[in-house]
Amino acid sequence: AAKWATQAPAFGAYLAWGNVACSYWKSPASGLPHTISAPGSLLILVAGTTNDPATPYPWAQGLAAQLSNAVLLTLDGDGHTAYMQGSACIDAAVDRYFLTGQADAGVTCADGP
């Protein structure tokens, strides 16, 4: 983290420490893209923002399509992450999922309340 902080003072240490969880994954990284299915899982909510500069929306679409039991929640807007960013529609859909485990497929919300 100290080396990363030297190279990127504003976010270096934060980004370095963000990788710690990866060292505890049960399978090693292959370095290659692969299909993810999660058979037998409870419903998984995948949220994606159409103009996300860090995680492109097609990645959210692809992940939701690969998972055995997932729905895609879309924010038609800008920015990285959607929840608690000003869209009452997104917040309600995510809250419902966290509180009940239920989510509707194909929901698209706009920026703002």
Protein backbone atom coordinates (compact mmCIF):
# COMPACT_ATOMS: atom_id res chain seq x y z
CA ALA A 1 0.00 0.00 0.00
CA ALA A 2 2.88 2.37 0.77
CA LYS A 3 4.35 1.88 -2.71
CA TRP A 4 0.96 2.47 -4.34
CA ALA A 5 0.48 5.61 -2.20
CA THR A 6 3.80 6.95 -3.45
CA GLN A 7 2.76 6.41 -7.06
CA ALA A 8 -0.84 7.60 -6.59
CA PRO A 9 -1.08 9.78 -3.45
CA ALA A 10 -4.84 10.39 -3.59
CA PHE A 11 -6.08 6.82 -4.01
CA GLY A 12 -3.07 4.48 -4.09
CA ALA A 13 -3.27 3.03 -0.58
CA TYR A 14 -7.05 2.74 -0.79
CA LEU A 15 -6.84 0.80 -4.06
CA ALA A 16 -4.06 -1.45 -2.78
CA TRP A 17 -5.98 -2.38 0.37
CA GLY A 18 -9.07 -2.98 -1.76
CA ASN A 19 -7.30 -6.00 -3.25
CA VAL A 20 -6.84 -7.80 0.09
CA ALA A 21 -10.11 -9.74 -0.27
CA CYS A 22 -8.83 -11.34 -3.47
CA SER A 23 -6.11 -13.17 -1.53
CA TYR A 24 -8.81 -15.12 0.34
CA TRP A 25 -10.72 -16.38 -2.70
CA LYS A 26 -11.00 -20.16 -2.75
CA SER A 27 -9.87 -20.56 -6.36
CA PRO A 28 -6.88 -18.98 -8.06
CA ALA A 29 -7.33 -16.39 -10.77
CA SER A 30 -6.97 -17.81 -14.25
CA GLY A 31 -6.39 -14.47 -15.94
CA LEU A 32 -8.95 -15.45 -18.55
CA PRO A 33 -12.62 -14.49 -18.92
CA HIS A 34 -15.00 -17.31 -18.14
CA THR A 35 -18.70 -17.95 -17.68
CA ILE A 36 -20.19 -17.52 -14.21
CA SER A 37 -23.44 -19.35 -13.48
CA ALA A 38 -23.97 -19.74 -9.69
CA PRO A 39 -26.39 -22.67 -9.97
CA GLY A 40 -28.67 -23.10 -6.99
CA SER A 41 -28.19 -19.54 -5.74
CA LEU A 42 -30.90 -17.35 -4.37
CA LEU A 43 -31.98 -14.52 -6.66
CA ILE A 44 -29.07 -12.21 -7.49
CA LEU A 45 -29.69 -8.54 -8.30
CA VAL A 46 -27.20 -7.08 -10.78
CA ALA A 47 -27.28 -3.29 -10.98
CA GLY A 48 -25.67 -1.48 -13.89
CA THR A 49 -25.43 2.15 -14.99
CA THR A 50 -25.60 2.87 -18.72
CA ASN A 51 -22.77 5.45 -18.63
CA ASP A 52 -20.57 3.99 -15.89
CA PRO A 53 -16.96 5.05 -16.53
CA ALA A 54 -15.46 2.22 -14.41
CA THR A 55 -17.63 -0.84 -15.08
CA PRO A 56 -19.23 -0.66 -18.53
CA TYR A 57 -22.94 -1.42 -18.74
CA PRO A 58 -22.40 -4.35 -21.13
CA TRP A 59 -20.53 -6.07 -18.29
CA ALA A 60 -23.64 -5.86 -16.08
CA GLN A 61 -25.78 -7.16 -18.94
CA GLY A 62 -23.36 -10.03 -19.54
CA LEU A 63 -23.15 -10.98 -15.89
CA ALA A 64 -26.92 -10.99 -15.43
CA ALA A 65 -27.30 -13.12 -18.56
CA GLN A 66 -24.69 -15.66 -17.38
CA LEU A 67 -26.00 -16.12 -13.85
CA SER A 68 -28.50 -18.92 -13.39
CA ASN A 69 -30.85 -16.87 -11.22
CA ALA A 70 -30.36 -13.13 -11.72
CA VAL A 71 -32.21 -10.00 -12.78
CA LEU A 72 -30.73 -6.80 -14.18
CA LEU A 73 -31.58 -3.42 -12.66
CA THR A 74 -30.56 -0.54 -14.92
CA LEU A 75 -29.85 3.09 -14.13
CA ASP A 76 -30.13 5.13 -17.31
CA GLY A 77 -27.61 7.72 -16.23
CA ASP A 78 -24.02 8.57 -15.41
CA GLY A 79 -21.55 7.63 -12.72
CA HIS A 80 -20.09 4.58 -11.03
CA THR A 81 -22.64 2.74 -8.89
CA ALA A 82 -26.34 3.45 -8.77
CA TYR A 83 -27.59 2.86 -5.23
CA MET A 84 -27.94 5.91 -2.97
CA GLN A 85 -26.89 8.25 -5.78
CA GLY A 86 -30.13 10.19 -6.19
CA SER A 87 -32.49 7.82 -8.01
CA ALA A 88 -35.50 7.01 -5.83
CA CYS A 89 -36.42 4.26 -8.31
CA ILE A 90 -33.05 2.49 -7.94
CA ASP A 91 -33.04 2.93 -4.17
CA ALA A 92 -36.54 1.45 -3.85
CA ALA A 93 -35.66 -1.54 -6.05
CA VAL A 94 -32.44 -2.28 -4.16
CA ASP A 95 -34.09 -1.79 -0.75
CA ARG A 96 -36.87 -4.17 -1.77
CA TYR A 97 -34.30 -6.77 -2.81
CA PHE A 98 -32.34 -6.45 0.44
CA LEU A 99 -35.48 -6.53 2.59
CA THR A 100 -37.47 -9.24 0.80
CA GLY A 101 -35.10 -11.04 -1.58
CA GLN A 102 -37.41 -10.13 -4.47
CA ALA A 103 -36.64 -8.13 -7.59
CA ASP A 104 -38.38 -7.59 -10.90
CA ALA A 105 -36.57 -8.30 -14.16
CA GLY A 106 -36.07 -5.57 -16.74
CA VAL A 107 -36.46 -2.52 -14.49
CA THR A 108 -34.88 0.67 -15.86
CA CYS A 109 -34.69 3.82 -13.77
CA ALA A 110 -33.57 7.35 -14.58
CA ASP A 111 -31.20 9.70 -12.74
CA GLY A 112 -32.80 11.83 -10.06
CA PRO A 113 -35.77 11.26 -7.78
